[in-house]
Each structure stands twice: as C-alpha cells, then as structure tokens.
C-alpha cells in the first residue's frame, strides 16, 4: 500500500531525526512531511490524497488526532509511529516504536474500522476530559513534558483545584453534582498505561463517561495505583456510565483536554459518538 508519513518535529523532545534517518534508510524515496503547523499537515494531506492509501502520524495523541480529523469517513487508513509523551492511542491500537513492524503492517494493508467522537464538534479519538485533568494539561504544556513533569504538575494542581459543577440532561440527572473531573473515553487509557476506563472499547459504538469526585491526597495514591493496574471500579468517588450522545453543562470551568491537547470549551457541552468512522492499520 502507498504510505505518506506526517512527522511532528516537536514530539518526543524534538527527537524525530532518528526516525526519519531510519525511514529513509529503509525507503529512500519515502513520501514524508516534517510538519511545522496544522496548515502544513492539511496542505500535505490534500496534495497527497490521490497517491496515498495509508497516512502515518509520527507523534503523540494530538498529532494522531490532527491527521485523523482529515481522513475520517473516508477510505484512507490511519497508521501511527508513537512519539509523544503518553502515547495512549497507539498503546491501545497496538502500534509500537519498531519501524519494521510498521512497514510490515503497511505492506499487508489490513485495517479495522473504529469509533471516534466529538465534543462540541471537535474530534477526539482517545480520551478527552474536563476539570482537573484539563487544568493539569494546560499547566503541563508549559513544561518540557515527559512523565515526571506530568506527575509533578498533577500533584501541585491537586492541592489547589476546586471541583467542577455539572448538570446533565434529564435522562442522566442522577449524576448531577460536583466532581474533580469528567472524562469521555473511547479507549481505556489516558496514556502511559493509566487506565481511566478499563472496560472501554473503541469499536462498540459507545462512549464511557467517567465521573471522579474529589478525594484526599492519600486516597488519590490508591486511585493512581488502581488506575495503573487496570483495577479501577465504581465506588463512592467513581462512577461510570455508557452513552452514544450526551448533553450537559459545566458551570464553573472551561478547561478541557482533547486527546491530551489543552483547550477551552464553553458550555453547553454536546458529546456525540461517530461509530466506525475511522480506519486504522492492524496486523
């Protein structure tokens, strides 16, 4: 299959040259773009559309989501070479940092159709959320990134963050209340194998809504342990429910992250599943 590679030079501490050198060693005439902007990526995909079967995103979840936005509801296939901070989507969809494995997948051309979703018409492919984790992402983006910096920002923010107030549409009013965070999960994990929704599936036509109430710092250590060991389950601080679509209002915060990219989104919020909207490369 014909592949085009879109490389985010700012992912993985700007260490993309090693990947590019190896790619050109294996495929001297490889078609690629080192993208400096969203406009670069958009122009490249449009230019190479008729000559490409597989678009390969080289970067983190934000890069992958940017490429996915351009090819959903089409015959084009998404592939990934993970080069981000958390690599949640690539972990869930079985892409690794072995370029030979990637090229072998491209050669075979097998694919699967998966779900995506939107938050007020903004596309998400992995996990998006509001509240505490949205605030953490906003602060994390001002650091040099990396897992250690993420933990540092998370701990500092925990002690000062106030709960968000959420009001849901009538069918889900029993969940109205104050929460540390709300997450919309298409896959199981944020990244770095932090499984916020251990039973979520990207091919079931449903989204897992995760509601977390504020707890003490010591309780947060237990929460983190269970999250990293896939053992999170409902309790007095944690609620799950599944939806295809959902409307709600967050009264006192606009801080969101979509696939790990921080942004502000104003209420009312409308979440919609897009079933089987994206083709991804598989073994």
Protein backbone atom coordinates (compact mmCIF):
# COMPACT_ATOMS: atom_id res chain seq x y z
CA UNK A 1 0.00 0.00 0.00
CA UNK A 2 1.11 3.57 -0.65
CA UNK A 3 2.02 5.42 2.54
CA UNK A 4 2.69 9.05 3.40
CA UNK A 5 4.34 10.00 6.70
CA UNK A 6 3.46 13.13 8.68
CA UNK A 7 6.06 13.92 11.32
CA UNK A 8 5.53 16.28 14.25
CA UNK A 9 9.05 17.64 14.90
CA UNK A 10 8.04 18.89 18.35
CA UNK A 11 7.04 15.49 19.72
CA UNK A 12 9.35 13.36 21.87
CA UNK A 13 11.59 16.27 22.83
CA UNK A 14 12.09 17.12 19.13
CA UNK A 15 13.97 13.85 18.59
CA UNK A 16 12.43 12.97 15.24
CA UNK A 17 15.61 12.82 13.15
CA UNK A 18 16.42 9.28 14.26
CA UNK A 19 13.07 8.07 12.93
CA UNK A 20 13.48 9.97 9.68
CA UNK A 21 17.02 8.67 9.09
CA UNK A 22 15.87 5.10 9.65
CA UNK A 23 12.83 5.56 7.42
CA UNK A 24 14.95 6.91 4.54
CA UNK A 25 17.45 4.11 5.01
CA UNK A 26 14.69 1.55 4.54
CA UNK A 27 12.65 3.52 1.97
CA UNK A 28 14.95 6.04 0.21
CA UNK A 29 12.06 7.58 -1.73
CA UNK A 30 9.64 7.70 1.21
CA UNK A 31 6.94 10.34 0.94
CA UNK A 32 7.01 12.42 4.12
CA UNK A 33 6.38 15.82 5.66
CA UNK A 34 8.06 17.37 8.69
CA UNK A 35 5.08 19.48 9.64
CA UNK A 36 5.59 22.91 11.18
CA UNK A 37 1.89 23.73 11.53
CA UNK A 38 -1.67 22.48 11.21
CA UNK A 39 -1.79 24.23 7.84
CA UNK A 40 1.26 22.24 6.68
CA UNK A 41 -0.45 19.00 7.61
CA UNK A 42 -3.71 19.96 5.93
CA UNK A 43 -2.00 21.00 2.70
CA UNK A 44 0.13 17.86 2.59
CA UNK A 45 -2.83 15.52 3.06
CA UNK A 46 -4.80 17.31 0.34
CA UNK A 47 -1.81 17.22 -2.01
CA UNK A 48 -1.09 13.52 -1.45
CA UNK A 49 -4.69 12.34 -1.16
CA UNK A 50 -4.92 10.56 -4.52
CA UNK A 51 -1.48 8.97 -4.14
CA UNK A 52 -1.86 7.64 -0.60
CA UNK A 53 -3.63 4.67 0.96
CA UNK A 54 -2.16 4.98 4.47
CA UNK A 55 -1.38 8.22 6.30
CA UNK A 56 1.15 7.61 9.08
CA UNK A 57 1.12 10.03 12.02
CA UNK A 58 4.53 10.27 13.70
CA UNK A 59 3.90 11.93 17.06
CA UNK A 60 1.64 11.81 20.11
CA UNK A 61 -2.12 11.63 20.51
CA UNK A 62 -2.54 15.27 19.46
CA UNK A 63 -0.71 14.65 16.18
CA UNK A 64 -2.68 11.47 15.56
CA UNK A 65 -5.97 13.29 16.19
CA UNK A 66 -4.97 16.08 13.79
CA UNK A 67 -4.35 13.56 10.99
CA UNK A 68 -7.49 11.59 11.87
CA UNK A 69 -9.63 14.73 11.50
CA UNK A 70 -8.66 14.88 7.83
CA UNK A 71 -9.37 11.26 6.95
CA UNK A 72 -12.45 10.19 8.97
CA UNK A 73 -15.40 8.96 6.90
CA UNK A 74 -13.06 8.11 4.00
CA UNK A 75 -11.28 5.10 2.53
CA UNK A 76 -7.91 6.31 3.82
CA UNK A 77 -6.25 4.35 6.62
CA UNK A 78 -4.51 5.76 9.68
CA UNK A 79 -1.25 4.32 11.00
CA UNK A 80 0.91 5.52 13.88
CA UNK A 81 4.54 5.66 14.90
CA UNK A 82 4.29 6.71 18.57
CA UNK A 83 6.49 9.66 19.53
CA UNK A 84 4.53 11.52 22.20
CA UNK A 85 4.56 11.90 25.96
CA UNK A 86 1.86 9.36 26.79
CA UNK A 87 1.02 7.55 23.53
CA UNK A 88 -2.36 6.43 24.83
CA UNK A 89 -4.00 5.83 21.45
CA UNK A 90 -1.04 3.95 20.00
CA UNK A 91 -0.81 1.78 23.11
CA UNK A 92 -4.47 0.87 22.73
CA UNK A 93 -4.26 0.20 18.98
CA UNK A 94 -1.03 -1.82 19.16
CA UNK A 95 1.40 0.47 17.40
CA UNK A 96 4.96 0.37 18.75
CA UNK A 97 8.30 2.04 18.09
CA UNK A 98 9.59 -0.72 15.82
CA UNK A 99 9.68 0.71 12.33
CA UNK A 100 9.97 -2.75 10.76
CA UNK A 101 6.68 -3.75 12.39
CA UNK A 102 5.07 -0.61 11.00
CA UNK A 103 6.34 -1.16 7.46
CA UNK A 104 5.22 -4.77 7.60
CA UNK A 105 1.71 -3.66 8.57
CA UNK A 106 1.66 -1.17 5.70
CA UNK A 107 2.73 -3.91 3.29
CA UNK A 108 -0.07 -6.23 4.46
CA UNK A 109 -2.68 -3.45 4.40
CA UNK A 110 -5.08 -4.95 6.94
CA UNK A 111 -7.35 -2.48 8.68
CA UNK A 112 -10.16 -2.16 11.21
CA UNK A 113 -12.92 0.45 11.47
CA UNK A 114 -13.15 2.13 14.88
CA UNK A 115 -15.27 4.73 16.62
CA UNK A 116 -14.36 8.37 17.17
CA UNK A 117 -16.38 11.11 18.87
CA UNK A 118 -16.88 14.85 19.04
CA UNK A 119 -17.09 17.36 21.86
CA UNK A 120 -18.98 20.39 20.56
CA UNK A 121 -18.00 19.31 17.04
CA UNK A 122 -14.29 18.95 17.91
CA UNK A 123 -12.95 15.48 17.06
CA UNK A 124 -11.46 13.15 19.66
CA UNK A 125 -10.14 9.64 19.10
CA UNK A 126 -8.90 8.56 22.52
CA UNK A 127 -9.83 10.14 25.88
CA UNK A 128 -10.96 13.71 26.48
CA UNK A 129 -11.91 15.40 29.71
CA UNK A 130 -12.89 18.46 31.69
CA UNK A 131 -11.97 19.71 35.11
CA UNK A 132 -8.85 18.64 36.94
CA UNK A 133 -7.12 16.84 34.08
CA UNK A 134 -7.92 19.70 31.70
CA UNK A 135 -6.23 22.07 34.14
CA UNK A 136 -3.26 19.70 34.52
CA UNK A 137 -2.80 19.53 30.74
CA UNK A 138 -2.90 23.33 30.49
CA UNK A 139 -0.04 23.60 33.00
CA UNK A 140 1.81 20.55 31.65
CA UNK A 141 2.00 22.12 28.19
CA UNK A 142 4.12 24.91 29.70
CA UNK A 143 6.78 22.40 30.83
CA UNK A 144 9.27 20.35 28.81
CA UNK A 145 6.73 17.50 29.03
CA UNK A 146 7.68 13.93 29.94
CA UNK A 147 6.11 11.60 32.51
CA UNK A 148 7.99 13.03 35.50
CA UNK A 149 6.84 16.58 34.74
CA UNK A 150 3.28 15.30 34.33
CA UNK A 151 3.36 13.76 37.82
CA UNK A 152 4.82 16.95 39.32
CA UNK A 153 2.13 19.14 37.75
CA UNK A 154 -0.60 16.70 38.76
CA UNK A 155 0.41 16.72 42.43
CA UNK A 156 0.76 20.51 42.62
CA UNK A 157 -2.59 21.08 40.93
CA UNK A 158 -4.39 18.55 43.12
CA UNK A 159 -3.96 20.60 46.28
CA UNK A 160 -5.39 23.81 44.85
CA UNK A 161 -8.04 22.63 42.36
CA UNK A 162 -11.72 23.15 43.17
CA UNK A 163 -14.43 20.77 41.99
CA UNK A 164 -16.46 21.47 38.84
CA UNK A 165 -20.26 21.62 38.96
CA UNK A 166 -22.02 19.54 36.31
CA UNK A 167 -25.70 19.42 35.30
CA UNK A 168 -26.70 16.65 32.90
CA UNK A 169 -29.64 16.29 30.53
CA UNK A 170 -32.82 14.84 32.03
CA UNK A 171 -32.04 11.16 31.41
CA UNK A 172 -28.83 11.42 33.45
CA UNK A 173 -29.80 13.94 36.12
CA UNK A 174 -29.00 11.42 38.85
CA UNK A 175 -25.34 12.19 38.12
CA UNK A 176 -25.64 15.96 38.69
CA UNK A 177 -23.09 17.16 41.21
CA UNK A 178 -19.58 18.36 41.95
CA UNK A 179 -16.64 16.44 40.54
CA UNK A 180 -12.88 16.57 40.39
CA UNK A 181 -13.09 15.65 36.71
CA UNK A 182 -15.22 14.22 33.95
CA UNK A 183 -13.75 12.08 31.19
CA UNK A 184 -15.16 10.82 27.91
CA UNK A 185 -13.36 7.61 26.99
CA UNK A 186 -13.27 5.96 23.58
CA UNK A 187 -10.33 3.81 24.67
CA UNK A 188 -9.22 2.62 28.08
CA UNK A 189 -6.30 4.88 28.88
CA UNK A 190 -5.02 8.45 29.01
CA UNK A 191 -1.52 7.30 28.08
CA UNK A 192 1.47 5.87 29.92
CA UNK A 193 -0.83 2.91 30.69
CA UNK A 194 -3.06 4.97 33.00
CA UNK A 195 -6.36 3.10 32.56
CA UNK A 196 -9.09 5.57 33.48
CA UNK A 197 -11.82 3.44 31.80
CA UNK A 198 -10.60 -0.17 31.90
CA UNK A 199 -13.70 -1.56 30.14
CA UNK A 200 -13.97 1.00 27.31
CA UNK A 201 -13.86 -0.21 23.72
CA UNK A 202 -13.18 1.78 20.56
CA UNK A 203 -15.40 -0.48 18.46
CA UNK A 204 -18.62 -0.90 20.47
CA UNK A 205 -20.47 2.23 19.32
CA UNK A 206 -20.49 3.59 22.89
CA UNK A 207 -18.54 6.08 24.97
CA UNK A 208 -17.64 5.52 28.61
CA UNK A 209 -18.36 8.55 30.81
CA UNK A 210 -16.11 8.67 33.86
CA UNK A 211 -17.01 10.86 36.83
CA UNK A 212 -14.47 11.29 39.63
CA UNK A 213 -15.30 13.08 42.87
CA UNK A 214 -12.61 14.85 44.86
CA UNK A 215 -10.87 12.73 47.48
CA UNK A 216 -7.99 13.20 49.90
CA UNK A 217 -4.40 13.14 48.74
CA UNK A 218 -3.83 9.76 50.43
CA UNK A 219 -6.89 8.33 48.71
CA UNK A 220 -5.52 9.66 45.42
CA UNK A 221 -2.50 7.37 45.82
CA UNK A 222 -4.80 4.36 45.93
CA UNK A 223 -6.74 5.72 42.95
CA UNK A 224 -3.50 6.10 40.97
CA UNK A 225 -2.35 2.58 41.87
CA UNK A 226 -5.63 1.06 40.72
CA UNK A 227 -5.59 3.18 37.54
CA UNK A 228 -2.12 1.97 36.53
CA UNK A 229 -3.03 -1.65 37.29
CA UNK A 230 -6.38 -1.67 35.42
CA UNK A 231 -8.29 -2.12 38.68
CA UNK A 232 -10.49 0.97 38.79
CA UNK A 233 -14.12 0.21 39.54
CA UNK A 234 -17.15 2.11 40.77
CA UNK A 235 -17.19 3.30 44.36
CA UNK A 236 -18.34 6.37 46.31
CA UNK A 237 -15.82 8.54 44.41
CA UNK A 238 -16.01 6.98 40.94
CA UNK A 239 -18.97 6.49 38.58
CA UNK A 240 -19.20 5.05 35.06
CA UNK A 241 -21.98 5.02 32.50
CA UNK A 242 -22.12 4.50 28.74
CA UNK A 243 -23.76 6.70 26.11
CA UNK A 244 -23.96 7.32 22.41
CA UNK A 245 -24.69 11.02 22.88
CA UNK A 246 -24.76 13.25 25.95
CA UNK A 247 -25.57 16.87 26.80
CA UNK A 248 -24.50 18.65 29.96
CA UNK A 249 -23.40 21.98 31.43
CA UNK A 250 -20.25 22.68 33.43
CA UNK A 251 -20.99 25.78 35.46
CA UNK A 252 -17.55 26.89 36.65
CA UNK A 253 -14.88 25.72 34.21
CA UNK A 254 -13.99 25.79 30.52
CA UNK A 255 -10.75 23.81 30.88
CA UNK A 256 -10.74 20.72 28.67
CA UNK A 257 -8.24 18.47 27.02
CA UNK A 258 -8.99 16.61 23.79
CA UNK A 259 -6.61 13.67 23.36
CA UNK A 260 -4.16 15.39 25.68
CA UNK A 261 -4.28 18.79 23.98
CA UNK A 262 -5.48 21.57 26.28
CA UNK A 263 -8.21 23.96 25.20
CA UNK A 264 -11.19 25.95 26.45
CA UNK A 265 -14.68 24.73 25.59
CA UNK A 266 -17.76 26.62 26.76
CA UNK A 267 -20.99 25.00 27.93
CA UNK A 268 -23.45 23.68 26.96
CA UNK A 269 -21.47 20.57 26.00
CA UNK A 270 -22.67 18.03 23.47
CA UNK A 271 -20.78 14.74 23.09
CA UNK A 272 -21.54 12.54 20.07
CA UNK A 273 -20.23 9.12 19.06
CA UNK A 274 -19.16 8.64 15.43
CA UNK A 275 -19.42 4.86 15.01
CA UNK A 276 -16.89 3.11 12.76
CA UNK A 277 -15.76 6.44 11.36
CA UNK A 278 -12.01 5.82 11.15
CA UNK A 279 -9.95 3.08 9.54
CA UNK A 280 -6.75 2.08 11.36
CA UNK A 281 -3.98 -0.26 10.27
CA UNK A 282 -3.76 -3.59 12.12
CA UNK A 283 -1.55 -6.69 11.99
